[in-house]
C-alpha atoms as a PDB file:
ATOM      1  CA  UNK A   1       0.000   0.000   0.000  1.00  0.00           C
ATOM      2  CA  UNK A   2       1.516   3.251  -1.085  1.00  0.00           C
ATOM      3  CA  UNK A   3       1.651   6.215   1.265  1.00  0.00           C
ATOM      4  CA  UNK A   4       0.087   9.590   0.664  1.00  0.00           C
ATOM      5  CA  UNK A   5       0.710  12.800   2.554  1.00  0.00           C
ATOM      6  CA  UNK A   6      -2.148  14.718   4.141  1.00  0.00           C
ATOM      7  CA  UNK A   7      -3.947  16.857   1.573  1.00  0.00           C
ATOM      8  CA  UNK A   8      -2.628  14.834  -1.370  1.00  0.00           C
ATOM      9  CA  UNK A   9      -5.024  13.957  -4.173  1.00  0.00           C
ATOM     10  CA  UNK A  10      -3.357  10.558  -4.664  1.00  0.00           C
ATOM     11  CA  UNK A  11      -5.640   7.672  -3.724  1.00  0.00           C
ATOM     12  CA  UNK A  12      -4.210   4.942  -1.511  1.00  0.00           C
ATOM     13  CA  UNK A  13      -4.910   1.554  -3.099  1.00  0.00           C
ATOM     14  CA  UNK A  14      -5.908  -0.335   0.063  1.00  0.00           C
ATOM     15  CA  UNK A  15      -7.513  -3.277  -1.735  1.00  0.00           C
ATOM     16  CA  UNK A  16      -5.393  -3.416  -4.875  1.00  0.00           C
ATOM     17  CA  UNK A  17      -8.466  -2.264  -6.832  1.00  0.00           C
ATOM     18  CA  UNK A  18      -6.777   0.319  -9.010  1.00  0.00           C
ATOM     19  CA  UNK A  19      -9.245  -0.224 -11.835  1.00  0.00           C
ATOM     20  CA  UNK A  20     -12.197   0.426  -9.558  1.00  0.00           C
ATOM     21  CA  UNK A  21     -10.622   3.582  -8.191  1.00  0.00           C
ATOM     22  CA  UNK A  22     -10.007   4.823 -11.736  1.00  0.00           C
ATOM     23  CA  UNK A  23     -13.695   4.195 -12.411  1.00  0.00           C
ATOM     24  CA  UNK A  24     -14.599   6.386  -9.441  1.00  0.00           C
ATOM     25  CA  UNK A  25     -12.323   9.135 -10.704  1.00  0.00           C
ATOM     26  CA  UNK A  26     -13.678   9.001 -14.263  1.00  0.00           C
ATOM     27  CA  UNK A  27     -17.237   9.058 -12.947  1.00  0.00           C
ATOM     28  CA  UNK A  28     -16.527  12.351 -11.214  1.00  0.00           C
ATOM     29  CA  UNK A  29     -16.868  11.230  -7.615  1.00  0.00           C
ATOM     30  CA  UNK A  30     -15.140  13.879  -5.538  1.00  0.00           C
ATOM     31  CA  UNK A  31     -13.381  13.316  -2.264  1.00  0.00           C
ATOM     32  CA  UNK A  32     -16.006  13.263   0.484  1.00  0.00           C
ATOM     33  CA  UNK A  33     -15.616  15.287   3.658  1.00  0.00           C
ATOM     34  CA  UNK A  34     -15.975  13.660   7.058  1.00  0.00           C
ATOM     35  CA  UNK A  35     -18.849  14.948   9.141  1.00  0.00           C
ATOM     36  CA  UNK A  36     -18.053  16.861  12.323  1.00  0.00           C
ATOM     37  CA  UNK A  37     -18.522  14.764  15.477  1.00  0.00           C
ATOM     38  CA  UNK A  38     -21.840  16.306  16.407  1.00  0.00           C
ATOM     39  CA  UNK A  39     -24.705  13.989  15.495  1.00  0.00           C
ATOM     40  CA  UNK A  40     -24.125  10.220  15.559  1.00  0.00           C
ATOM     41  CA  UNK A  41     -27.490   9.658  13.846  1.00  0.00           C
ATOM     42  CA  UNK A  42     -26.550  11.761  10.823  1.00  0.00           C
ATOM     43  CA  UNK A  43     -25.126   9.958   7.790  1.00  0.00           C
ATOM     44  CA  UNK A  44     -21.816  11.375   6.609  1.00  0.00           C
ATOM     45  CA  UNK A  45     -22.083  13.490   3.430  1.00  0.00           C
ATOM     46  CA  UNK A  46     -20.828  11.508   0.434  1.00  0.00           C
ATOM     47  CA  UNK A  47     -21.843   8.080   1.783  1.00  0.00           C
ATOM     48  CA  UNK A  48     -24.158   7.238  -1.118  1.00  0.00           C
ATOM     49  CA  UNK A  49     -21.587   7.142  -3.953  1.00  0.00           C
ATOM     50  CA  UNK A  50     -19.713   4.130  -2.614  1.00  0.00           C
ATOM     51  CA  UNK A  51     -22.802   2.418  -1.178  1.00  0.00           C
ATOM     52  CA  UNK A  52     -24.540   2.259  -4.572  1.00  0.00           C
ATOM     53  CA  UNK A  53     -21.592   0.415  -6.112  1.00  0.00           C
ATOM     54  CA  UNK A  54     -22.390  -2.549  -3.846  1.00  0.00           C
ATOM     55  CA  UNK A  55     -25.822  -3.013  -5.393  1.00  0.00           C
ATOM     56  CA  UNK A  56     -24.080  -5.018  -8.107  1.00  0.00           C
ATOM     57  CA  UNK A  57     -20.635  -5.812  -6.668  1.00  0.00           C
ATOM     58  CA  UNK A  58     -19.243  -7.472  -3.569  1.00  0.00           C
ATOM     59  CA  UNK A  59     -15.970  -5.559  -3.321  1.00  0.00           C
ATOM     60  CA  UNK A  60     -14.897  -1.974  -3.708  1.00  0.00           C
ATOM     61  CA  UNK A  61     -14.332   1.340  -1.949  1.00  0.00           C
ATOM     62  CA  UNK A  62     -17.174   2.272   0.383  1.00  0.00           C
ATOM     63  CA  UNK A  63     -15.889   5.703   1.408  1.00  0.00           C
ATOM     64  CA  UNK A  64     -12.802   7.880   1.583  1.00  0.00           C
ATOM     65  CA  UNK A  65     -11.722  11.349   2.549  1.00  0.00           C
ATOM     66  CA  UNK A  66      -8.306  12.982   2.999  1.00  0.00           C
ATOM     67  CA  UNK A  67      -7.462  10.906   6.087  1.00  0.00           C
ATOM     68  CA  UNK A  68      -8.985   7.437   5.631  1.00  0.00           C
ATOM     69  CA  UNK A  69     -10.052   4.999   2.940  1.00  0.00           C
ATOM     70  CA  UNK A  70     -12.616   2.297   3.714  1.00  0.00           C
ATOM     71  CA  UNK A  71     -12.918  -0.712   1.417  1.00  0.00           C
ATOM     72  CA  UNK A  72     -14.907  -3.938   1.623  1.00  0.00           C
ATOM     73  CA  UNK A  73     -14.544  -7.445   0.262  1.00  0.00           C
ATOM     74  CA  UNK A  74     -17.524  -9.706   0.897  1.00  0.00           C
ATOM     75  CA  UNK A  75     -18.892 -13.139   0.092  1.00  0.00           C
ATOM     76  CA  UNK A  76     -22.322 -14.680   0.554  1.00  0.00           C
ATOM     77  CA  UNK A  77     -23.774 -18.178   0.542  1.00  0.00           C
ATOM     78  CA  UNK A  78     -27.506 -18.692   0.923  1.00  0.00           C
ATOM     79  CA  UNK A  79     -28.518 -16.727   4.064  1.00  0.00           C
ATOM     80  CA  UNK A  80     -24.975 -16.189   5.404  1.00  0.00           C
ATOM     81  CA  UNK A  81     -22.427 -13.502   4.620  1.00  0.00           C
ATOM     82  CA  UNK A  82     -18.912 -12.478   5.572  1.00  0.00           C
ATOM     83  CA  UNK A  83     -17.446  -9.020   5.058  1.00  0.00           C
ATOM     84  CA  UNK A  84     -13.840  -7.947   5.506  1.00  0.00           C
ATOM     85  CA  UNK A  85     -13.617  -4.181   6.010  1.00  0.00           C
ATOM     86  CA  UNK A  86     -10.277  -2.488   5.298  1.00  0.00           C
ATOM     87  CA  UNK A  87      -9.404   0.806   6.982  1.00  0.00           C
ATOM     88  CA  UNK A  88      -6.409   2.555   5.400  1.00  0.00           C
ATOM     89  CA  UNK A  89      -4.697   5.599   6.888  1.00  0.00           C
ATOM     90  CA  UNK A  90      -4.035   8.085   4.076  1.00  0.00           C
ATOM     91  CA  UNK A  91      -2.739  10.863   6.306  1.00  0.00           C
ATOM     92  CA  UNK A  92       0.770  11.659   7.442  1.00  0.00           C
ATOM     93  CA  UNK A  93      -0.192  11.139  11.096  1.00  0.00           C
ATOM     94  CA  UNK A  94      -1.214   8.070  13.087  1.00  0.00           C
ATOM     95  CA  UNK A  95      -4.930   7.496  13.527  1.00  0.00           C
ATOM     96  CA  UNK A  96      -5.624   6.921  17.227  1.00  0.00           C
ATOM     97  CA  UNK A  97      -8.678   6.130  19.370  1.00  0.00           C
ATOM     98  CA  UNK A  98     -10.057   4.174  16.427  1.00  0.00           C
ATOM     99  CA  UNK A  99     -13.300   2.207  16.754  1.00  0.00           C
ATOM    100  CA  UNK A 100     -15.832   0.820  14.268  1.00  0.00           C
ATOM    101  CA  UNK A 101     -19.210  -0.521  15.376  1.00  0.00           C
ATOM    102  CA  UNK A 102     -22.352  -1.723  13.597  1.00  0.00           C
ATOM    103  CA  UNK A 103     -25.497   0.153  14.567  1.00  0.00           C
ATOM    104  CA  UNK A 104     -29.193  -0.527  13.860  1.00  0.00           C
ATOM    105  CA  UNK A 105     -30.988   2.835  14.042  1.00  0.00           C
ATOM    106  CA  UNK A 106     -33.875   1.766  11.790  1.00  0.00           C
ATOM    107  CA  UNK A 107     -34.529  -1.528  13.547  1.00  0.00           C
ATOM    108  CA  UNK A 108     -33.304  -4.328  11.188  1.00  0.00           C
ATOM    109  CA  UNK A 109     -31.559  -6.055  14.107  1.00  0.00           C
ATOM    110  CA  UNK A 110     -34.253  -8.729  14.398  1.00  0.00           C
ATOM    111  CA  UNK A 111     -34.018  -9.478  10.679  1.00  0.00           C
ATOM    112  CA  UNK A 112     -30.206  -9.507  10.506  1.00  0.00           C
ATOM    113  CA  UNK A 113     -27.838 -11.093  12.988  1.00  0.00           C
ATOM    114  CA  UNK A 114     -24.552  -9.208  12.694  1.00  0.00           C
ATOM    115  CA  UNK A 115     -21.349  -9.896  14.607  1.00  0.00           C
ATOM    116  CA  UNK A 116     -18.419  -7.487  14.178  1.00  0.00           C
ATOM    117  CA  UNK A 117     -15.011  -8.229  15.642  1.00  0.00           C
ATOM    118  CA  UNK A 118     -13.295  -5.408  17.549  1.00  0.00           C
ATOM    119  CA  UNK A 119     -10.300  -3.726  15.933  1.00  0.00           C
ATOM    120  CA  UNK A 120      -7.009  -2.292  17.135  1.00  0.00           C
ATOM    121  CA  UNK A 121      -7.308   1.360  18.104  1.00  0.00           C
ATOM    122  CA  UNK A 122      -4.267   2.702  16.220  1.00  0.00           C
ATOM    123  CA  UNK A 123      -3.593   2.827  12.463  1.00  0.00           C
ATOM    124  CA  UNK A 124      -0.122   4.073  11.627  1.00  0.00           C
ATOM    125  CA  UNK A 125       0.409   6.438   8.694  1.00  0.00           C
ATOM    126  CA  UNK A 126       0.163   4.593   5.329  1.00  0.00           C
ATOM    127  CA  UNK A 127      -0.949   1.412   7.131  1.00  0.00           C
ATOM    128  CA  UNK A 128      -4.246  -0.418   7.290  1.00  0.00           C
ATOM    129  CA  UNK A 129      -6.193  -2.714   9.565  1.00  0.00           C
ATOM    130  CA  UNK A 130      -8.974  -5.188   8.890  1.00  0.00           C
ATOM    131  CA  UNK A 131     -12.272  -5.946  10.573  1.00  0.00           C
ATOM    132  CA  UNK A 132     -14.306  -9.127  10.056  1.00  0.00           C
ATOM    133  CA  UNK A 133     -18.101  -8.882  10.075  1.00  0.00           C
ATOM    134  CA  UNK A 134     -20.348 -11.947   9.812  1.00  0.00           C
ATOM    135  CA  UNK A 135     -24.070 -11.798   9.097  1.00  0.00           C
ATOM    136  CA  UNK A 136     -27.080 -14.092   9.038  1.00  0.00           C
ATOM    137  CA  UNK A 137     -30.285 -13.108   7.235  1.00  0.00           C
ATOM    138  CA  UNK A 138     -33.195 -14.196   9.443  1.00  0.00           C
ATOM    139  CA  UNK A 139     -36.027 -12.598   7.469  1.00  0.00           C
ATOM    140  CA  UNK A 140     -36.713  -9.886   4.884  1.00  0.00           C
ATOM    141  CA  UNK A 141     -35.490  -6.399   5.797  1.00  0.00           C
ATOM    142  CA  UNK A 142     -35.850  -2.947   4.251  1.00  0.00           C
ATOM    143  CA  UNK A 143     -32.880  -0.912   5.463  1.00  0.00           C
ATOM    144  CA  UNK A 144     -29.174  -1.518   5.882  1.00  0.00           C
ATOM    145  CA  UNK A 145     -27.431  -1.243   9.256  1.00  0.00           C
ATOM    146  CA  UNK A 146     -24.908   1.532   9.811  1.00  0.00           C
ATOM    147  CA  UNK A 147     -21.180   1.456  10.357  1.00  0.00           C
ATOM    148  CA  UNK A 148     -20.177   4.041  12.962  1.00  0.00           C
ATOM    149  CA  UNK A 149     -16.469   4.919  12.856  1.00  0.00           C
ATOM    150  CA  UNK A 150     -14.726   7.146  15.390  1.00  0.00           C
ATOM    151  CA  UNK A 151     -11.067   8.192  15.450  1.00  0.00           C
ATOM    152  CA  UNK A 152      -8.642  11.044  16.000  1.00  0.00           C
ATOM    153  CA  UNK A 153      -6.222  12.154  13.269  1.00  0.00           C
ATOM    154  CA  UNK A 154      -3.771  15.032  13.620  1.00  0.00           C
ATOM    155  CA  UNK A 155      -5.367  15.915  16.944  1.00  0.00           C
ATOM    156  CA  UNK A 156      -8.816  16.298  15.359  1.00  0.00           C
ATOM    157  CA  UNK A 157     -11.613  13.902  16.457  1.00  0.00           C
ATOM    158  CA  UNK A 158     -13.697  12.572  13.587  1.00  0.00           C
ATOM    159  CA  UNK A 159     -16.927  10.640  13.178  1.00  0.00           C
ATOM    160  CA  UNK A 160     -18.105   8.772  10.080  1.00  0.00           C
ATOM    161  CA  UNK A 161     -21.577   7.256   9.885  1.00  0.00           C
ATOM    162  CA  UNK A 162     -22.020   5.074   6.785  1.00  0.00           C
ATOM    163  CA  UNK A 163     -24.580   2.568   5.606  1.00  0.00           C
ATOM    164  CA  UNK A 164     -23.047  -0.896   5.600  1.00  0.00           C
ATOM    165  CA  UNK A 165     -23.808  -2.482   2.204  1.00  0.00           C
ATOM    166  CA  UNK A 166     -25.849  -5.371   3.577  1.00  0.00           C
ATOM    167  CA  UNK A 167     -28.628  -5.432   1.010  1.00  0.00           C
ATOM    168  CA  UNK A 168     -31.526  -7.792   0.428  1.00  0.00           C
ATOM    169  CA  UNK A 169     -30.159  -8.962  -2.927  1.00  0.00           C
ATOM    170  CA  UNK A 170     -26.944 -10.232  -1.289  1.00  0.00           C
ATOM    171  CA  UNK A 171     -29.009 -13.213  -0.164  1.00  0.00           C
ATOM    172  CA  UNK A 172     -30.434 -13.933  -3.616  1.00  0.00           C
ATOM    173  CA  UNK A 173     -29.469 -17.145  -5.384  1.00  0.00           C
ATOM    174  CA  UNK A 174     -29.898 -17.293  -9.179  1.00  0.00           C
ATOM    175  CA  UNK A 175     -32.450 -19.850 -10.373  1.00  0.00           C
ATOM    176  CA  UNK A 176     -32.839 -21.454 -13.812  1.00  0.00           C
ATOM    177  CA  UNK A 177     -36.198 -22.494 -15.314  1.00  0.00           C
ATOM    178  CA  UNK A 178     -37.803 -23.013 -18.703  1.00  0.00           C
ATOM    179  CA  UNK A 179     -40.619 -21.058 -20.341  1.00  0.00           C
ATOM    180  CA  UNK A 180     -43.487 -23.188 -19.026  1.00  0.00           C
ATOM    181  CA  UNK A 181     -42.176 -23.231 -15.475  1.00  0.00           C
ATOM    182  CA  UNK A 182     -41.515 -19.480 -15.435  1.00  0.00           C
ATOM    183  CA  UNK A 183     -44.939 -18.403 -16.739  1.00  0.00           C
ATOM    184  CA  UNK A 184     -46.846 -20.900 -14.597  1.00  0.00           C
ATOM    185  CA  UNK A 185     -45.226 -19.354 -11.557  1.00  0.00           C
ATOM    186  CA  UNK A 186     -45.658 -15.830 -12.953  1.00  0.00           C
ATOM    187  CA  UNK A 187     -49.381 -16.403 -13.452  1.00  0.00           C
ATOM    188  CA  UNK A 188     -49.770 -17.845  -9.957  1.00  0.00           C
ATOM    189  CA  UNK A 189     -48.088 -14.811  -8.413  1.00  0.00           C
ATOM    190  CA  UNK A 190     -50.335 -12.507 -10.437  1.00  0.00           C
ATOM    191  CA  UNK A 191     -53.338 -13.968  -8.642  1.00  0.00           C
ATOM    192  CA  UNK A 192     -51.941 -12.696  -5.321  1.00  0.00           C
ATOM    193  CA  UNK A 193     -51.500  -8.896  -5.607  1.00  0.00           C
ATOM    194  CA  UNK A 194     -49.638  -8.671  -2.292  1.00  0.00           C
ATOM    195  CA  UNK A 195     -46.797 -10.686  -3.841  1.00  0.00           C
ATOM    196  CA  UNK A 196     -46.449  -8.526  -6.943  1.00  0.00           C
ATOM    197  CA  UNK A 197     -44.883  -5.119  -7.518  1.00  0.00           C
ATOM    198  CA  UNK A 198     -44.669  -3.108 -10.723  1.00  0.00           C
ATOM    199  CA  UNK A 199     -42.876   0.118 -11.539  1.00  0.00           C
ATOM    200  CA  UNK A 200     -42.757   2.186 -14.722  1.00  0.00           C
ATOM    201  CA  UNK A 201     -39.797   4.553 -15.059  1.00  0.00           C
ATOM    202  CA  UNK A 202     -37.891   6.535 -17.646  1.00  0.00           C
ATOM    203  CA  UNK A 203     -34.469   5.167 -18.615  1.00  0.00           C
ATOM    204  CA  UNK A 204     -31.651   7.597 -17.887  1.00  0.00           C
ATOM    205  CA  UNK A 205     -29.524   6.182 -20.731  1.00  0.00           C
ATOM    206  CA  UNK A 206     -30.128   4.322 -24.007  1.00  0.00           C
ATOM    207  CA  UNK A 207     -30.968   0.654 -23.409  1.00  0.00           C
ATOM    208  CA  UNK A 208     -27.863  -1.546 -23.541  1.00  0.00           C
ATOM    209  CA  UNK A 209     -28.686  -5.264 -23.573  1.00  0.00           C
ATOM    210  CA  UNK A 210     -25.250  -6.406 -22.384  1.00  0.00           C
ATOM    211  CA  UNK A 211     -25.167  -3.832 -19.569  1.00  0.00           C
ATOM    212  CA  UNK A 212     -28.677  -4.793 -18.436  1.00  0.00           C
ATOM    213  CA  UNK A 213     -27.726  -8.478 -18.309  1.00  0.00           C
ATOM    214  CA  UNK A 214     -24.649  -7.625 -16.231  1.00  0.00           C
ATOM    215  CA  UNK A 215     -26.754  -5.579 -13.810  1.00  0.00           C
ATOM    216  CA  UNK A 216     -29.284  -8.370 -13.352  1.00  0.00           C
ATOM    217  CA  UNK A 217     -26.525 -10.944 -12.825  1.00  0.00           C
ATOM    218  CA  UNK A 218     -24.705  -8.628 -10.423  1.00  0.00           C
ATOM    219  CA  UNK A 219     -27.944  -8.187  -8.514  1.00  0.00           C
ATOM    220  CA  UNK A 220     -27.992 -11.937  -7.855  1.00  0.00           C
ATOM    221  CA  UNK A 221     -30.573 -13.031 -10.424  1.00  0.00           C
ATOM    222  CA  UNK A 222     -30.327 -15.416 -13.365  1.00  0.00           C
ATOM    223  CA  UNK A 223     -30.755 -14.077 -16.903  1.00  0.00           C
ATOM    224  CA  UNK A 224     -33.069 -16.493 -18.731  1.00  0.00           C
ATOM    225  CA  UNK A 225     -32.749 -16.420 -22.524  1.00  0.00           C
ATOM    226  CA  UNK A 226     -35.414 -17.638 -24.928  1.00  0.00           C
ATOM    227  CA  UNK A 227     -38.098 -17.648 -22.209  1.00  0.00           C
ATOM    228  CA  UNK A 228     -40.128 -14.523 -22.993  1.00  0.00           C
ATOM    229  CA  UNK A 229     -41.928 -14.424 -26.371  1.00  0.00           C
ATOM    230  CA  UNK A 230     -40.745 -10.832 -26.715  1.00  0.00           C
ATOM    231  CA  UNK A 231     -37.009 -11.089 -27.338  1.00  0.00           C
ATOM    232  CA  UNK A 232     -36.401  -7.516 -26.129  1.00  0.00           C
ATOM    233  CA  UNK A 233     -37.646  -8.322 -22.623  1.00  0.00           C
ATOM    234  CA  UNK A 234     -35.305  -9.468 -19.859  1.00  0.00           C
ATOM    235  CA  UNK A 235     -36.497 -12.368 -17.725  1.00  0.00           C
ATOM    236  CA  UNK A 236     -34.840 -13.320 -14.454  1.00  0.00           C
ATOM    237  CA  UNK A 237     -35.411 -15.614 -11.492  1.00  0.00           C
ATOM    238  CA  UNK A 238     -33.886 -16.102  -8.074  1.00  0.00           C
ATOM    239  CA  UNK A 239     -34.403 -17.461  -4.583  1.00  0.00           C
ATOM    240  CA  UNK A 240     -34.225 -15.187  -1.546  1.00  0.00           C
ATOM    241  CA  UNK A 241     -32.628 -17.142   1.310  1.00  0.00           C
ATOM    242  CA  UNK A 242     -33.358 -16.605   5.004  1.00  0.00           C
ATOM    243  CA  UNK A 243     -32.780 -18.841   8.012  1.00  0.00           C
ATOM    244  CA  UNK A 244     -36.513 -19.642   8.104  1.00  0.00           C
ATOM    245  CA  UNK A 245     -37.613 -19.709   4.440  1.00  0.00           C
ATOM    246  CA  UNK A 246     -36.578 -19.772   0.774  1.00  0.00           C
ATOM    247  CA  UNK A 247     -38.683 -17.360  -1.278  1.00  0.00           C
ATOM    248  CA  UNK A 248     -38.896 -17.408  -5.068  1.00  0.00           C
ATOM    249  CA  UNK A 249     -38.496 -14.151  -7.005  1.00  0.00           C
ATOM    250  CA  UNK A 250     -39.427 -13.566 -10.666  1.00  0.00           C
ATOM    251  CA  UNK A 251     -38.540 -10.456 -12.683  1.00  0.00           C
ATOM    252  CA  UNK A 252     -39.549  -9.152 -16.113  1.00  0.00           C
ATOM    253  CA  UNK A 253     -37.859  -6.007 -17.430  1.00  0.00           C
ATOM    254  CA  UNK A 254     -39.756  -4.702 -20.440  1.00  0.00           C
ATOM    255  CA  UNK A 255     -37.991  -1.900 -22.356  1.00  0.00           C
ATOM    256  CA  UNK A 256     -40.204   0.261 -24.563  1.00  0.00           C
END
């Protein structure tokens, strides 16, 4: 891991994900500023840019500012997950009084069982430390827990409050089925309105078939070819895994 002096625009490659960091730069994501340690319930400005990347990926940079870079590598199997969080010191001073804890302000604690291991409380300049977080999905949930990070750098206390990218689709398992099987299930679900959701929205970019397939696959769903009579539609299936149930999910994306 290369060092970077305080105030430098050079990104520290904590995870060896140079390509991903170049993607961030080309997309115009600026360096986020850590929130002042005033309100522990307030999400840190800039948290969304990194969080959204994890909708379709399991590793990347969650957040960074001029003093710290936070990256995650994660893996999931059925209703279980394991995340390794990397905290890299980008400043020219040691980070002291460091702590990182998982918080449940919106109440998903009953739906997610999360265990985070404690970390060392010092990160030397240009060094990093790791934190292991394990998770079990008990039932469906609607909001992600938060990662609350406190430390002092250069004599200045800092607080970061980020959403931990524990998302419902991380517990999806792609499923394969033929035309008859898919539409029999689709019709059955249509008879129960509480199990169906539909949304019509304007595309922000021209439709790209390859990109759409990659998004659906990255989301945890299968991409079923030759199933829908309309070849321009995208058809997907998956199984949502919890510790108490396995729930089938069917998706039709219909570009106009």
